[in-house]
Amino acid sequence: MDFVKALTYPFEDNDWLPKLGIAVGIGILMFIPLVNLAVIVLFAGWRYEIAKRVKAGDPTPLPAWDDF
């Protein structure tokens, strides 16, 4: 496993700032009771989509937040 690649792949996407910005904004909602379960489910799906894209060799592994 290439550890440097594992840490730098999000920044290879041209739209990495808005995608990670939305993720941070949604992550802040984890501090609200009863909302945190929905946030955990959202992030689980987002991580699954990232894993699928990395496995397929997609050059832009970060999925957009357009399909909740």
PDB file of N, CA and C in Angstrom:
ATOM      1  N   MET A   1       0.838  -1.172   0.000  1.00  0.00           N
ATOM      2  CA  MET A   1       0.000   0.000   0.000  1.00  0.00           C
ATOM      3  C   MET A   1       0.884   1.235   0.000  1.00  0.00           C
ATOM      4  N   ASP A   2       0.526   2.189  -0.823  1.00  0.00           N
ATOM      5  CA  ASP A   2       1.249   3.446  -0.903  1.00  0.00           C
ATOM      6  C   ASP A   2       0.628   4.431   0.087  1.00  0.00           C
ATOM      7  N   PHE A   3       1.292   4.644   1.220  1.00  0.00           N
ATOM      8  CA  PHE A   3       0.739   5.480   2.277  1.00  0.00           C
ATOM      9  C   PHE A   3       0.644   6.945   1.878  1.00  0.00           C
ATOM     10  N   VAL A   4       1.581   7.424   1.094  1.00  0.00           N
ATOM     11  CA  VAL A   4       1.536   8.818   0.642  1.00  0.00           C
ATOM     12  C   VAL A   4       0.333   9.026  -0.265  1.00  0.00           C
ATOM     13  N   LYS A   5       0.072   8.082  -1.128  1.00  0.00           N
ATOM     14  CA  LYS A   5      -1.086   8.160  -2.017  1.00  0.00           C
ATOM     15  C   LYS A   5      -2.381   8.134  -1.215  1.00  0.00           C
ATOM     16  N   ALA A   6      -2.417   7.343  -0.154  1.00  0.00           N
ATOM     17  CA  ALA A   6      -3.610   7.261   0.685  1.00  0.00           C
ATOM     18  C   ALA A   6      -3.918   8.592   1.366  1.00  0.00           C
ATOM     19  N   LEU A   7      -2.891   9.372   1.651  1.00  0.00           N
ATOM     20  CA  LEU A   7      -3.099  10.661   2.315  1.00  0.00           C
ATOM     21  C   LEU A   7      -3.326  11.813   1.344  1.00  0.00           C
ATOM     22  N   THR A   8      -2.882  11.666   0.107  1.00  0.00           N
ATOM     23  CA  THR A   8      -2.958  12.790  -0.831  1.00  0.00           C
ATOM     24  C   THR A   8      -4.027  12.648  -1.903  1.00  0.00           C
ATOM     25  N   TYR A   9      -4.689  11.489  -2.010  1.00  0.00           N
ATOM     26  CA  TYR A   9      -5.638  11.313  -3.108  1.00  0.00           C
ATOM     27  C   TYR A   9      -6.803  12.294  -3.077  1.00  0.00           C
ATOM     28  N   PRO A  10      -7.311  12.745  -1.917  1.00  0.00           N
ATOM     29  CA  PRO A  10      -8.434  13.697  -1.986  1.00  0.00           C
ATOM     30  C   PRO A  10      -8.057  15.002  -2.682  1.00  0.00           C
ATOM     31  N   PHE A  11      -6.803  15.385  -2.589  1.00  0.00           N
ATOM     32  CA  PHE A  11      -6.370  16.661  -3.149  1.00  0.00           C
ATOM     33  C   PHE A  11      -6.067  16.588  -4.641  1.00  0.00           C
ATOM     34  N   GLU A  12      -6.157  15.400  -5.219  1.00  0.00           N
ATOM     35  CA  GLU A  12      -5.962  15.255  -6.667  1.00  0.00           C
ATOM     36  C   GLU A  12      -7.222  15.624  -7.445  1.00  0.00           C
ATOM     37  N   ASP A  13      -8.351  15.673  -6.771  1.00  0.00           N
ATOM     38  CA  ASP A  13      -9.618  16.050  -7.399  1.00  0.00           C
ATOM     39  C   ASP A  13      -9.636  17.565  -7.582  1.00  0.00           C
ATOM     40  N   ASN A  14     -10.083  18.029  -8.741  1.00  0.00           N
ATOM     41  CA  ASN A  14     -10.121  19.474  -8.998  1.00  0.00           C
ATOM     42  C   ASN A  14     -11.117  20.197  -8.099  1.00  0.00           C
ATOM     43  N   ASP A  15     -12.177  19.517  -7.684  1.00  0.00           N
ATOM     44  CA  ASP A  15     -13.201  20.132  -6.836  1.00  0.00           C
ATOM     45  C   ASP A  15     -13.095  19.640  -5.393  1.00  0.00           C
ATOM     46  N   TRP A  16     -11.902  19.431  -4.898  1.00  0.00           N
ATOM     47  CA  TRP A  16     -11.735  18.862  -3.574  1.00  0.00           C
ATOM     48  C   TRP A  16     -12.182  19.807  -2.472  1.00  0.00           C
ATOM     49  N   LEU A  17     -12.018  21.100  -2.634  1.00  0.00           N
ATOM     50  CA  LEU A  17     -12.362  22.036  -1.563  1.00  0.00           C
ATOM     51  C   LEU A  17     -13.863  22.066  -1.276  1.00  0.00           C
ATOM     52  N   PRO A  18     -14.734  22.208  -2.289  1.00  0.00           N
ATOM     53  CA  PRO A  18     -16.165  22.185  -1.963  1.00  0.00           C
ATOM     54  C   PRO A  18     -16.644  20.831  -1.436  1.00  0.00           C
ATOM     55  N   LYS A  19     -16.091  19.756  -1.962  1.00  0.00           N
ATOM     56  CA  LYS A  19     -16.527  18.426  -1.519  1.00  0.00           C
ATOM     57  C   LYS A  19     -16.149  18.175  -0.066  1.00  0.00           C
ATOM     58  N   LEU A  20     -14.930  18.499   0.307  1.00  0.00           N
ATOM     59  CA  LEU A  20     -14.516  18.312   1.695  1.00  0.00           C
ATOM     60  C   LEU A  20     -15.143  19.361   2.606  1.00  0.00           C
ATOM     61  N   GLY A  21     -15.422  20.550   2.057  1.00  0.00           N
ATOM     62  CA  GLY A  21     -16.094  21.586   2.842  1.00  0.00           C
ATOM     63  C   GLY A  21     -17.493  21.163   3.247  1.00  0.00           C
ATOM     64  N   ILE A  22     -18.222  20.559   2.338  1.00  0.00           N
ATOM     65  CA  ILE A  22     -19.556  20.059   2.666  1.00  0.00           C
ATOM     66  C   ILE A  22     -19.455  18.938   3.688  1.00  0.00           C
ATOM     67  N   ALA A  23     -18.455  18.082   3.551  1.00  0.00           N
ATOM     68  CA  ALA A  23     -18.261  16.990   4.509  1.00  0.00           C
ATOM     69  C   ALA A  23     -17.983  17.548   5.908  1.00  0.00           C
ATOM     70  N   VAL A  24     -17.195  18.594   5.999  1.00  0.00           N
ATOM     71  CA  VAL A  24     -16.908  19.206   7.297  1.00  0.00           C
ATOM     72  C   VAL A  24     -18.176  19.843   7.865  1.00  0.00           C
ATOM     73  N   GLY A  25     -18.939  20.516   7.008  1.00  0.00           N
ATOM     74  CA  GLY A  25     -20.191  21.126   7.463  1.00  0.00           C
ATOM     75  C   GLY A  25     -21.173  20.093   7.986  1.00  0.00           C
ATOM     76  N   ILE A  26     -21.286  18.984   7.295  1.00  0.00           N
ATOM     77  CA  ILE A  26     -22.175  17.916   7.759  1.00  0.00           C
ATOM     78  C   ILE A  26     -21.613  17.274   9.022  1.00  0.00           C
ATOM     79  N   GLY A  27     -20.308  17.165   9.099  1.00  0.00           N
ATOM     80  CA  GLY A  27     -19.677  16.582  10.277  1.00  0.00           C
ATOM     81  C   GLY A  27     -19.922  17.387  11.544  1.00  0.00           C
ATOM     82  N   ILE A  28     -20.069  18.688  11.408  1.00  0.00           N
ATOM     83  CA  ILE A  28     -20.358  19.531  12.569  1.00  0.00           C
ATOM     84  C   ILE A  28     -21.716  19.178  13.161  1.00  0.00           C
ATOM     85  N   LEU A  29     -22.626  18.700  12.319  1.00  0.00           N
ATOM     86  CA  LEU A  29     -23.957  18.318  12.798  1.00  0.00           C
ATOM     87  C   LEU A  29     -23.933  17.109  13.712  1.00  0.00           C
ATOM     88  N   MET A  30     -22.806  16.411  13.791  1.00  0.00           N
ATOM     89  CA  MET A  30     -22.714  15.236  14.656  1.00  0.00           C
ATOM     90  C   MET A  30     -22.855  15.593  16.122  1.00  0.00           C
ATOM     91  N   PHE A  31     -22.698  16.851  16.465  1.00  0.00           N
ATOM     92  CA  PHE A  31     -22.791  17.257  17.858  1.00  0.00           C
ATOM     93  C   PHE A  31     -24.229  17.521  18.288  1.00  0.00           C
ATOM     94  N   ILE A  32     -25.178  17.405  17.365  1.00  0.00           N
ATOM     95  CA  ILE A  32     -26.594  17.587  17.689  1.00  0.00           C
ATOM     96  C   ILE A  32     -27.194  16.210  17.955  1.00  0.00           C
ATOM     97  N   PRO A  33     -27.765  16.001  19.134  1.00  0.00           N
ATOM     98  CA  PRO A  33     -28.358  14.694  19.429  1.00  0.00           C
ATOM     99  C   PRO A  33     -29.465  14.347  18.432  1.00  0.00           C
ATOM    100  N   LEU A  34     -29.621  13.089  18.153  1.00  0.00           N
ATOM    101  CA  LEU A  34     -30.598  12.512  17.225  1.00  0.00           C
ATOM    102  C   LEU A  34     -30.286  12.790  15.760  1.00  0.00           C
ATOM    103  N   VAL A  35     -29.475  13.777  15.478  1.00  0.00           N
ATOM    104  CA  VAL A  35     -29.060  14.045  14.102  1.00  0.00           C
ATOM    105  C   VAL A  35     -27.791  13.265  13.800  1.00  0.00           C
ATOM    106  N   ASN A  36     -27.028  12.959  14.849  1.00  0.00           N
ATOM    107  CA  ASN A  36     -25.736  12.311  14.635  1.00  0.00           C
ATOM    108  C   ASN A  36     -25.873  10.931  13.999  1.00  0.00           C
ATOM    109  N   LEU A  37     -26.958  10.209  14.233  1.00  0.00           N
ATOM    110  CA  LEU A  37     -27.138   8.913  13.585  1.00  0.00           C
ATOM    111  C   LEU A  37     -27.288   9.078  12.077  1.00  0.00           C
ATOM    112  N   ALA A  38     -28.035  10.080  11.642  1.00  0.00           N
ATOM    113  CA  ALA A  38     -28.188  10.340  10.208  1.00  0.00           C
ATOM    114  C   ALA A  38     -26.852  10.732   9.586  1.00  0.00           C
ATOM    115  N   VAL A  39     -26.057  11.485  10.310  1.00  0.00           N
ATOM    116  CA  VAL A  39     -24.745  11.899   9.805  1.00  0.00           C
ATOM    117  C   VAL A  39     -23.827  10.693   9.677  1.00  0.00           C
ATOM    118  N   ILE A  40     -23.887   9.789  10.632  1.00  0.00           N
ATOM    119  CA  ILE A  40     -23.072   8.581  10.569  1.00  0.00           C
ATOM    120  C   ILE A  40     -23.440   7.761   9.335  1.00  0.00           C
ATOM    121  N   VAL A  41     -24.729   7.658   9.049  1.00  0.00           N
ATOM    122  CA  VAL A  41     -25.176   6.915   7.871  1.00  0.00           C
ATOM    123  C   VAL A  41     -24.719   7.619   6.590  1.00  0.00           C
ATOM    124  N   LEU A  42     -24.815   8.949   6.544  1.00  0.00           N
ATOM    125  CA  LEU A  42     -24.357   9.692   5.371  1.00  0.00           C
ATOM    126  C   LEU A  42     -22.866   9.449   5.110  1.00  0.00           C
ATOM    127  N   PHE A  43     -22.060   9.531   6.160  1.00  0.00           N
ATOM    128  CA  PHE A  43     -20.617   9.339   5.994  1.00  0.00           C
ATOM    129  C   PHE A  43     -20.277   7.892   5.632  1.00  0.00           C
ATOM    130  N   ALA A  44     -21.061   6.945   6.127  1.00  0.00           N
ATOM    131  CA  ALA A  44     -20.813   5.545   5.761  1.00  0.00           C
ATOM    132  C   ALA A  44     -21.031   5.351   4.261  1.00  0.00           C
ATOM    133  N   GLY A  45     -22.079   5.938   3.729  1.00  0.00           N
ATOM    134  CA  GLY A  45     -22.331   5.843   2.297  1.00  0.00           C
ATOM    135  C   GLY A  45     -21.278   6.561   1.483  1.00  0.00           C
ATOM    136  N   TRP A  46     -20.832   7.711   1.979  1.00  0.00           N
ATOM    137  CA  TRP A  46     -19.799   8.480   1.273  1.00  0.00           C
ATOM    138  C   TRP A  46     -18.489   7.704   1.252  1.00  0.00           C
ATOM    139  N   ARG A  47     -18.127   7.088   2.380  1.00  0.00           N
ATOM    140  CA  ARG A  47     -16.902   6.281   2.434  1.00  0.00           C
ATOM    141  C   ARG A  47     -16.998   5.065   1.525  1.00  0.00           C
ATOM    142  N   TYR A  48     -18.179   4.445   1.453  1.00  0.00           N
ATOM    143  CA  TYR A  48     -18.374   3.307   0.568  1.00  0.00           C
ATOM    144  C   TYR A  48     -18.177   3.729  -0.889  1.00  0.00           C
ATOM    145  N   GLU A  49     -18.734   4.867  -1.267  1.00  0.00           N
ATOM    146  CA  GLU A  49     -18.589   5.351  -2.646  1.00  0.00           C
ATOM    147  C   GLU A  49     -17.128   5.680  -2.958  1.00  0.00           C
ATOM    148  N   ILE A  50     -16.409   6.241  -2.005  1.00  0.00           N
ATOM    149  CA  ILE A  50     -14.980   6.517  -2.200  1.00  0.00           C
ATOM    150  C   ILE A  50     -14.216   5.214  -2.409  1.00  0.00           C
ATOM    151  N   ALA A  51     -14.521   4.211  -1.585  1.00  0.00           N
ATOM    152  CA  ALA A  51     -13.832   2.919  -1.715  1.00  0.00           C
ATOM    153  C   ALA A  51     -14.091   2.289  -3.084  1.00  0.00           C
ATOM    154  N   LYS A  52     -15.329   2.372  -3.577  1.00  0.00           N
ATOM    155  CA  LYS A  52     -15.644   1.831  -4.899  1.00  0.00           C
ATOM    156  C   LYS A  52     -14.859   2.554  -5.983  1.00  0.00           C
ATOM    157  N   ARG A  53     -14.774   3.878  -5.875  1.00  0.00           N
ATOM    158  CA  ARG A  53     -14.068   4.653  -6.894  1.00  0.00           C
ATOM    159  C   ARG A  53     -12.569   4.403  -6.862  1.00  0.00           C
ATOM    160  N   VAL A  54     -12.000   4.275  -5.685  1.00  0.00           N
ATOM    161  CA  VAL A  54     -10.560   4.000  -5.579  1.00  0.00           C
ATOM    162  C   VAL A  54     -10.263   2.616  -6.154  1.00  0.00           C
ATOM    163  N   LYS A  55     -11.099   1.641  -5.847  1.00  0.00           N
ATOM    164  CA  LYS A  55     -10.894   0.287  -6.366  1.00  0.00           C
ATOM    165  C   LYS A  55     -10.993   0.250  -7.883  1.00  0.00           C
ATOM    166  N   ALA A  56     -11.900   1.066  -8.448  1.00  0.00           N
ATOM    167  CA  ALA A  56     -12.075   1.099  -9.904  1.00  0.00           C
ATOM    168  C   ALA A  56     -11.012   1.940 -10.599  1.00  0.00           C
ATOM    169  N   GLY A  57     -10.200   2.667  -9.829  1.00  0.00           N
ATOM    170  CA  GLY A  57      -9.148   3.488 -10.419  1.00  0.00           C
ATOM    171  C   GLY A  57      -9.655   4.808 -10.970  1.00  0.00           C
ATOM    172  N   ASP A  58     -10.758   5.297 -10.444  1.00  0.00           N
ATOM    173  CA  ASP A  58     -11.337   6.573 -10.887  1.00  0.00           C
ATOM    174  C   ASP A  58     -10.361   7.703 -10.560  1.00  0.00           C
ATOM    175  N   PRO A  59     -10.080   8.608 -11.511  1.00  0.00           N
ATOM    176  CA  PRO A  59      -9.135   9.693 -11.246  1.00  0.00           C
ATOM    177  C   PRO A  59      -9.690  10.739 -10.274  1.00  0.00           C
ATOM    178  N   THR A  60     -11.007  10.799 -10.092  1.00  0.00           N
ATOM    179  CA  THR A  60     -11.604  11.721  -9.117  1.00  0.00           C
ATOM    180  C   THR A  60     -12.368  10.903  -8.082  1.00  0.00           C
ATOM    181  N   PRO A  61     -11.676  10.433  -7.042  1.00  0.00           N
ATOM    182  CA  PRO A  61     -12.297   9.507  -6.105  1.00  0.00           C
ATOM    183  C   PRO A  61     -13.312  10.136  -5.159  1.00  0.00           C
ATOM    184  N   LEU A  62     -13.302  11.449  -4.994  1.00  0.00           N
ATOM    185  CA  LEU A  62     -14.261  12.064  -4.081  1.00  0.00           C
ATOM    186  C   LEU A  62     -15.601  12.250  -4.771  1.00  0.00           C
ATOM    187  N   PRO A  63     -16.658  11.621  -4.272  1.00  0.00           N
ATOM    188  CA  PRO A  63     -17.973  11.790  -4.883  1.00  0.00           C
ATOM    189  C   PRO A  63     -18.575  13.135  -4.481  1.00  0.00           C
ATOM    190  N   ALA A  64     -19.407  13.668  -5.348  1.00  0.00           N
ATOM    191  CA  ALA A  64     -20.112  14.914  -5.031  1.00  0.00           C
ATOM    192  C   ALA A  64     -21.234  14.620  -4.052  1.00  0.00           C
ATOM    193  N   TRP A  65     -21.661  15.639  -3.348  1.00  0.00           N
ATOM    194  CA  TRP A  65     -22.738  15.492  -2.377  1.00  0.00           C
ATOM    195  C   TRP A  65     -24.082  15.806  -3.042  1.00  0.00           C
ATOM    196  N   ASP A  66     -24.361  15.191  -4.173  1.00  0.00           N
ATOM    197  CA  ASP A  66     -25.603  15.492  -4.876  1.00  0.00           C
ATOM    198  C   ASP A  66     -26.622  14.358  -4.803  1.00  0.00           C
ATOM    199  N   ASP A  67     -26.268  13.234  -4.167  1.00  0.00           N
ATOM    200  CA  ASP A  67     -27.177  12.102  -4.093  1.00  0.00           C
ATOM    201  C   ASP A  67     -27.210  11.607  -2.648  1.00  0.00           C
ATOM    202  N   PHE A  68     -28.031  12.252  -1.837  1.00  0.00           N
ATOM    203  CA  PHE A  68     -28.124  11.864  -0.430  1.00  0.00           C
ATOM    204  C   PHE A  68     -28.965  10.611  -0.282  1.00  0.00           C
TER     205      PHE A  68
END
